[in-house]
C-alpha cells in the first residue's frame, strides 16, 4: 500500500461522529477545507484489535490535539 500521509483526501460524503459524539448524517471534508485541522480516522470494523487500541490512544491524547 502506498503511503498516504500528507496527501489530500478525496472529496466524499458519509455518516460520521464529530465534536465529542455528534452524529452527522452527511459529513463532508469539503466543509472544513481551509477552516480547521481535521483528523480523519478509519478502522476496519467493530470488535477488531485496532478499534479499541487506536481509539483509546486518540482519547488519551485529546488535549494534545486541542492545542
N, C-alpha and C. Protein backbone atom coordinates (compact mmCIF):
# COMPACT_ATOMS: atom_id res chain seq x y z
N UNK A 1 0.84 -1.18 0.00
CA UNK A 1 0.00 0.00 0.00
C UNK A 1 0.89 1.24 0.00
N UNK A 2 0.53 2.20 -0.80
CA UNK A 2 1.30 3.44 -0.88
C UNK A 2 1.09 4.27 0.38
N UNK A 3 2.09 5.05 0.73
CA UNK A 3 1.99 5.94 1.88
C UNK A 3 1.09 7.11 1.52
N UNK A 4 0.10 7.38 2.35
CA UNK A 4 -0.86 8.45 2.07
C UNK A 4 -0.68 9.67 2.96
N UNK A 5 0.24 9.59 3.91
CA UNK A 5 0.47 10.71 4.82
C UNK A 5 0.86 11.95 4.02
N UNK A 6 0.17 13.04 4.30
CA UNK A 6 0.46 14.29 3.62
C UNK A 6 -0.27 14.47 2.30
N UNK A 7 -0.98 13.46 1.85
CA UNK A 7 -1.73 13.55 0.60
C UNK A 7 -3.11 14.14 0.87
N UNK A 8 -3.67 14.81 -0.11
CA UNK A 8 -5.00 15.37 0.01
C UNK A 8 -6.04 14.25 -0.05
N UNK A 9 -6.97 14.26 0.89
CA UNK A 9 -8.04 13.26 0.91
C UNK A 9 -9.04 13.56 -0.20
N UNK A 10 -9.61 12.53 -0.80
CA UNK A 10 -10.61 12.76 -1.85
C UNK A 10 -11.90 13.33 -1.26
N UNK A 11 -12.66 13.99 -2.07
CA UNK A 11 -13.96 14.52 -1.65
C UNK A 11 -14.93 13.36 -1.49
N UNK A 12 -15.67 13.35 -0.39
CA UNK A 12 -16.65 12.30 -0.15
C UNK A 12 -17.68 12.79 0.86
N UNK A 13 -18.79 12.07 0.96
CA UNK A 13 -19.80 12.32 1.99
C UNK A 13 -20.10 11.00 2.67
N UNK A 14 -20.26 11.04 4.00
CA UNK A 14 -20.52 9.82 4.76
C UNK A 14 -21.10 10.17 6.12
N UNK A 15 -21.70 9.20 6.77
CA UNK A 15 -22.16 9.35 8.14
C UNK A 15 -20.92 9.38 9.03
N UNK A 16 -20.90 10.29 10.02
CA UNK A 16 -19.71 10.44 10.85
C UNK A 16 -20.09 10.84 12.27
N UNK A 17 -19.18 10.61 13.19
CA UNK A 17 -19.31 11.09 14.57
C UNK A 17 -18.27 12.18 14.74
N UNK A 18 -18.70 13.37 15.14
CA UNK A 18 -17.81 14.52 15.26
C UNK A 18 -18.04 15.23 16.59
N UNK A 19 -17.12 16.09 16.93
CA UNK A 19 -17.25 17.01 18.08
C UNK A 19 -17.76 16.35 19.35
N UNK A 20 -17.09 15.31 19.77
CA UNK A 20 -17.42 14.69 21.04
C UNK A 20 -18.68 13.85 21.04
N UNK A 21 -19.14 13.40 19.89
CA UNK A 21 -20.26 12.48 19.87
C UNK A 21 -21.41 12.85 18.97
N UNK A 22 -21.38 14.03 18.38
CA UNK A 22 -22.46 14.43 17.47
C UNK A 22 -22.42 13.55 16.22
N UNK A 23 -23.55 12.98 15.85
CA UNK A 23 -23.64 12.15 14.64
C UNK A 23 -24.12 13.02 13.49
N UNK A 24 -23.34 13.05 12.42
CA UNK A 24 -23.66 13.83 11.23
C UNK A 24 -23.98 12.84 10.12
N UNK A 25 -25.15 12.95 9.55
CA UNK A 25 -25.58 12.01 8.51
C UNK A 25 -24.88 12.23 7.17
N UNK A 26 -24.50 13.47 6.88
CA UNK A 26 -23.95 13.79 5.56
C UNK A 26 -22.65 14.58 5.71
N UNK A 27 -21.69 14.03 6.44
CA UNK A 27 -20.41 14.70 6.68
C UNK A 27 -19.61 14.79 5.39
N UNK A 28 -18.93 15.91 5.21
CA UNK A 28 -18.05 16.10 4.06
C UNK A 28 -16.79 16.83 4.52
N UNK A 29 -15.64 16.36 4.09
CA UNK A 29 -14.40 17.08 4.42
C UNK A 29 -14.38 18.46 3.80
N UNK A 30 -15.06 18.63 2.68
CA UNK A 30 -15.06 19.92 1.99
C UNK A 30 -15.56 21.05 2.88
N UNK A 31 -16.45 20.75 3.83
CA UNK A 31 -16.98 21.81 4.70
C UNK A 31 -15.92 22.36 5.65
N UNK A 32 -14.81 21.65 5.83
CA UNK A 32 -13.74 22.10 6.72
C UNK A 32 -12.54 22.64 5.95
N UNK A 33 -12.56 22.56 4.64
CA UNK A 33 -11.43 22.96 3.81
C UNK A 33 -11.01 24.40 4.11
N UNK A 34 -9.77 24.56 4.55
CA UNK A 34 -9.23 25.88 4.84
C UNK A 34 -9.70 26.49 6.15
N UNK A 35 -10.50 25.77 6.95
CA UNK A 35 -11.04 26.33 8.19
C UNK A 35 -10.42 25.73 9.44
N UNK A 36 -10.19 24.43 9.43
CA UNK A 36 -9.74 23.73 10.63
C UNK A 36 -8.84 22.58 10.27
N UNK A 37 -8.12 22.10 11.27
CA UNK A 37 -7.43 20.83 11.12
C UNK A 37 -8.45 19.73 11.34
N UNK A 38 -8.30 18.65 10.62
CA UNK A 38 -9.23 17.53 10.74
C UNK A 38 -8.43 16.24 10.89
N UNK A 39 -8.81 15.43 11.86
CA UNK A 39 -8.23 14.10 11.98
C UNK A 39 -9.27 13.14 11.44
N UNK A 40 -8.91 12.46 10.40
CA UNK A 40 -9.81 11.51 9.76
C UNK A 40 -9.32 10.12 10.13
N UNK A 41 -10.13 9.39 10.87
CA UNK A 41 -9.71 8.10 11.40
C UNK A 41 -10.67 7.01 10.94
N UNK A 42 -10.13 6.00 10.31
CA UNK A 42 -10.91 4.84 9.89
C UNK A 42 -10.37 3.61 10.59
N UNK A 43 -11.22 2.65 10.81
CA UNK A 43 -10.77 1.35 11.31
C UNK A 43 -11.51 0.27 10.53
N UNK A 44 -10.96 -0.95 10.47
CA UNK A 44 -11.50 -1.98 9.58
C UNK A 44 -12.94 -2.38 9.88
N UNK A 45 -13.26 -2.62 11.12
CA UNK A 45 -14.63 -2.92 11.52
C UNK A 45 -14.68 -3.01 13.04
N UNK A 46 -15.88 -2.95 13.59
CA UNK A 46 -16.05 -3.05 15.03
C UNK A 46 -15.52 -4.38 15.56
N UNK A 47 -15.05 -4.33 16.79
CA UNK A 47 -14.58 -5.51 17.51
C UNK A 47 -13.32 -6.14 16.91
N UNK A 48 -12.53 -5.32 16.23
CA UNK A 48 -11.22 -5.78 15.78
C UNK A 48 -10.17 -5.19 16.70
N UNK A 49 -8.97 -5.70 16.65
CA UNK A 49 -7.90 -5.26 17.55
C UNK A 49 -7.62 -3.77 17.43
N UNK A 50 -7.59 -3.24 16.22
CA UNK A 50 -7.22 -1.83 16.03
C UNK A 50 -8.27 -0.89 16.61
N UNK A 51 -9.50 -1.27 16.61
CA UNK A 51 -10.58 -0.39 17.06
C UNK A 51 -10.35 0.12 18.49
N UNK A 52 -10.35 -0.71 19.52
CA UNK A 52 -10.20 -0.16 20.86
C UNK A 52 -8.81 0.40 21.13
N UNK A 53 -7.79 -0.22 20.60
CA UNK A 53 -6.42 0.23 20.86
C UNK A 53 -6.19 1.63 20.32
N UNK A 54 -6.50 1.86 19.07
CA UNK A 54 -6.26 3.16 18.45
C UNK A 54 -7.21 4.23 18.98
N UNK A 55 -8.46 3.88 19.17
CA UNK A 55 -9.42 4.87 19.68
C UNK A 55 -9.05 5.33 21.08
N UNK A 56 -8.62 4.42 21.92
CA UNK A 56 -8.19 4.81 23.27
C UNK A 56 -6.94 5.68 23.22
N UNK A 57 -6.04 5.40 22.29
CA UNK A 57 -4.83 6.21 22.15
C UNK A 57 -5.18 7.64 21.75
N UNK A 58 -6.12 7.81 20.82
CA UNK A 58 -6.58 9.15 20.46
C UNK A 58 -7.20 9.85 21.66
N UNK A 59 -8.06 9.17 22.38
CA UNK A 59 -8.72 9.76 23.54
C UNK A 59 -7.71 10.18 24.60
N UNK A 60 -6.70 9.35 24.83
CA UNK A 60 -5.68 9.66 25.83
C UNK A 60 -4.88 10.91 25.48
N UNK A 61 -4.82 11.25 24.20
CA UNK A 61 -4.04 12.41 23.74
C UNK A 61 -4.92 13.56 23.27
N UNK A 62 -6.17 13.55 23.64
CA UNK A 62 -7.11 14.57 23.20
C UNK A 62 -6.62 15.99 23.49
N UNK A 63 -6.06 16.22 24.66
CA UNK A 63 -5.56 17.56 25.00
C UNK A 63 -4.48 18.03 24.03
N UNK A 64 -3.64 17.12 23.57
CA UNK A 64 -2.59 17.49 22.61
C UNK A 64 -3.19 17.91 21.27
N UNK A 65 -4.25 17.23 20.84
CA UNK A 65 -4.90 17.58 19.58
C UNK A 65 -5.63 18.92 19.68
N UNK A 66 -6.11 19.27 20.85
CA UNK A 66 -6.87 20.51 21.02
C UNK A 66 -5.99 21.75 21.09
N UNK A 67 -4.67 21.59 21.21
CA UNK A 67 -3.76 22.75 21.28
C UNK A 67 -3.72 23.50 19.98
